[in-house]
Amino acid sequence: MAVGFVLITVSPLKEKEAFEKISSIEEIKEIYPLFGEYDILAKVEAEDIDQIGSIVISKIRAVAGVIDTKTFLTSKSLEGA
């Protein structure tokens, strides 16, 4: 299982619509509105890193009003350290 966090920038006045559409994407497990440089933070879970990339490109960036995304991938390498 791969987990990623996506920071999303949305066109002004499209935040609510984009939030609702992104929250309906099956792989989005948590979603939060933000105030500042980014408008939405979404937690994505998928089979692997490649699938997270595909979700960001084909599902999140396809939502009307989404201008930009920045994706952070997590690692389990620090567990038990």
C-alpha atoms as a PDB file:
ATOM      1  CA  MET A   1       0.000   0.000   0.000  1.00  0.00           C
ATOM      2  CA  ALA A   2       1.299   3.437  -0.942  1.00  0.00           C
ATOM      3  CA  VAL A   3       0.199   6.684   0.675  1.00  0.00           C
ATOM      4  CA  GLY A   4       0.594  10.182  -0.674  1.00  0.00           C
ATOM      5  CA  PHE A   5      -0.471  13.656   0.327  1.00  0.00           C
ATOM      6  CA  VAL A   6      -1.519  16.079  -2.390  1.00  0.00           C
ATOM      7  CA  LEU A   7      -1.545  19.851  -1.985  1.00  0.00           C
ATOM      8  CA  ILE A   8      -4.020  21.302  -4.465  1.00  0.00           C
ATOM      9  CA  THR A   9      -4.408  24.841  -5.792  1.00  0.00           C
ATOM     10  CA  VAL A  10      -7.860  25.745  -7.103  1.00  0.00           C
ATOM     11  CA  SER A  11      -9.179  28.691  -9.123  1.00  0.00           C
ATOM     12  CA  PRO A  12     -10.850  31.386  -7.005  1.00  0.00           C
ATOM     13  CA  LEU A  13     -14.551  30.690  -6.342  1.00  0.00           C
ATOM     14  CA  LYS A  14     -14.170  27.022  -7.418  1.00  0.00           C
ATOM     15  CA  GLU A  15     -12.939  25.728  -4.048  1.00  0.00           C
ATOM     16  CA  LYS A  16     -16.225  24.233  -2.798  1.00  0.00           C
ATOM     17  CA  GLU A  17     -17.024  22.514  -6.101  1.00  0.00           C
ATOM     18  CA  ALA A  18     -13.498  21.098  -6.415  1.00  0.00           C
ATOM     19  CA  PHE A  19     -13.500  19.980  -2.761  1.00  0.00           C
ATOM     20  CA  GLU A  20     -16.746  18.047  -3.257  1.00  0.00           C
ATOM     21  CA  LYS A  21     -15.577  16.381  -6.486  1.00  0.00           C
ATOM     22  CA  ILE A  22     -12.162  15.441  -5.110  1.00  0.00           C
ATOM     23  CA  SER A  23     -13.683  14.044  -1.916  1.00  0.00           C
ATOM     24  CA  SER A  24     -15.798  11.674  -4.033  1.00  0.00           C
ATOM     25  CA  ILE A  25     -12.705  10.044  -5.597  1.00  0.00           C
ATOM     26  CA  GLU A  26     -12.517   6.517  -4.192  1.00  0.00           C
ATOM     27  CA  GLU A  27      -8.794   6.619  -3.360  1.00  0.00           C
ATOM     28  CA  ILE A  28      -9.069   9.871  -1.363  1.00  0.00           C
ATOM     29  CA  LYS A  29      -9.134   8.768   2.279  1.00  0.00           C
ATOM     30  CA  GLU A  30      -8.968  12.193   3.956  1.00  0.00           C
ATOM     31  CA  ILE A  31      -9.436  15.719   2.647  1.00  0.00           C
ATOM     32  CA  TYR A  32      -9.087  19.130   4.285  1.00  0.00           C
ATOM     33  CA  PRO A  33      -9.672  22.714   3.142  1.00  0.00           C
ATOM     34  CA  LEU A  34      -6.665  24.997   3.635  1.00  0.00           C
ATOM     35  CA  PHE A  35      -6.102  28.741   3.801  1.00  0.00           C
ATOM     36  CA  GLY A  36      -2.926  30.080   2.251  1.00  0.00           C
ATOM     37  CA  GLU A  37      -0.804  29.057  -0.712  1.00  0.00           C
ATOM     38  CA  TYR A  38      -2.799  25.838  -1.248  1.00  0.00           C
ATOM     39  CA  ASP A  39      -6.554  25.326  -1.059  1.00  0.00           C
ATOM     40  CA  ILE A  40      -6.953  21.588  -0.392  1.00  0.00           C
ATOM     41  CA  LEU A  41      -4.919  18.811   1.235  1.00  0.00           C
ATOM     42  CA  ALA A  42      -5.881  15.269   0.219  1.00  0.00           C
ATOM     43  CA  LYS A  43      -4.580  11.930   1.487  1.00  0.00           C
ATOM     44  CA  VAL A  44      -4.424   9.306  -1.274  1.00  0.00           C
ATOM     45  CA  GLU A  45      -4.060   5.541  -0.763  1.00  0.00           C
ATOM     46  CA  ALA A  46      -3.285   3.189  -3.638  1.00  0.00           C
ATOM     47  CA  GLU A  47      -1.571  -0.087  -4.517  1.00  0.00           C
ATOM     48  CA  ASP A  48       1.760   1.559  -5.360  1.00  0.00           C
ATOM     49  CA  ILE A  49       3.484   4.859  -6.125  1.00  0.00           C
ATOM     50  CA  ASP A  50       2.735   4.610  -9.853  1.00  0.00           C
ATOM     51  CA  GLN A  51      -0.978   4.329  -9.139  1.00  0.00           C
ATOM     52  CA  ILE A  52      -0.847   7.437  -6.920  1.00  0.00           C
ATOM     53  CA  GLY A  53       0.684   9.323  -9.850  1.00  0.00           C
ATOM     54  CA  SER A  54      -2.060   8.079 -12.124  1.00  0.00           C
ATOM     55  CA  ILE A  55      -4.766   9.163  -9.656  1.00  0.00           C
ATOM     56  CA  VAL A  56      -3.269  12.640  -9.365  1.00  0.00           C
ATOM     57  CA  ILE A  57      -3.004  13.071 -13.126  1.00  0.00           C
ATOM     58  CA  SER A  58      -6.197  11.427 -14.337  1.00  0.00           C
ATOM     59  CA  LYS A  59      -8.586  12.127 -11.466  1.00  0.00           C
ATOM     60  CA  ILE A  60      -7.490  15.084  -9.320  1.00  0.00           C
ATOM     61  CA  ARG A  61      -6.050  17.297 -12.075  1.00  0.00           C
ATOM     62  CA  ALA A  62      -9.110  16.501 -14.222  1.00  0.00           C
ATOM     63  CA  VAL A  63     -11.409  18.260 -11.733  1.00  0.00           C
ATOM     64  CA  ALA A  64     -12.658  21.620 -13.022  1.00  0.00           C
ATOM     65  CA  GLY A  65     -10.906  24.470 -11.256  1.00  0.00           C
ATOM     66  CA  VAL A  66      -7.760  22.576 -10.234  1.00  0.00           C
ATOM     67  CA  ILE A  67      -4.793  24.708 -11.273  1.00  0.00           C
ATOM     68  CA  ASP A  68      -1.821  22.904  -9.714  1.00  0.00           C
ATOM     69  CA  THR A  69      -0.865  19.984  -7.491  1.00  0.00           C
ATOM     70  CA  LYS A  70       2.139  19.067  -5.386  1.00  0.00           C
ATOM     71  CA  THR A  71       2.407  15.434  -4.302  1.00  0.00           C
ATOM     72  CA  PHE A  72       4.357  14.048  -1.345  1.00  0.00           C
ATOM     73  CA  LEU A  73       4.892  10.298  -1.066  1.00  0.00           C
ATOM     74  CA  THR A  74       5.346   8.600   2.294  1.00  0.00           C
ATOM     75  CA  SER A  75       7.822   5.962   3.373  1.00  0.00           C
ATOM     76  CA  LYS A  76       7.878   3.351   6.107  1.00  0.00           C
ATOM     77  CA  SER A  77      11.673   3.450   6.284  1.00  0.00           C
ATOM     78  CA  LEU A  78      11.670   5.274   9.641  1.00  0.00           C
ATOM     79  CA  GLU A  79       9.352   2.825  11.396  1.00  0.00           C
ATOM     80  CA  GLY A  80      11.176   0.983  14.134  1.00  0.00           C
ATOM     81  CA  ALA A  81      14.258   3.166  13.789  1.00  0.00           C
END
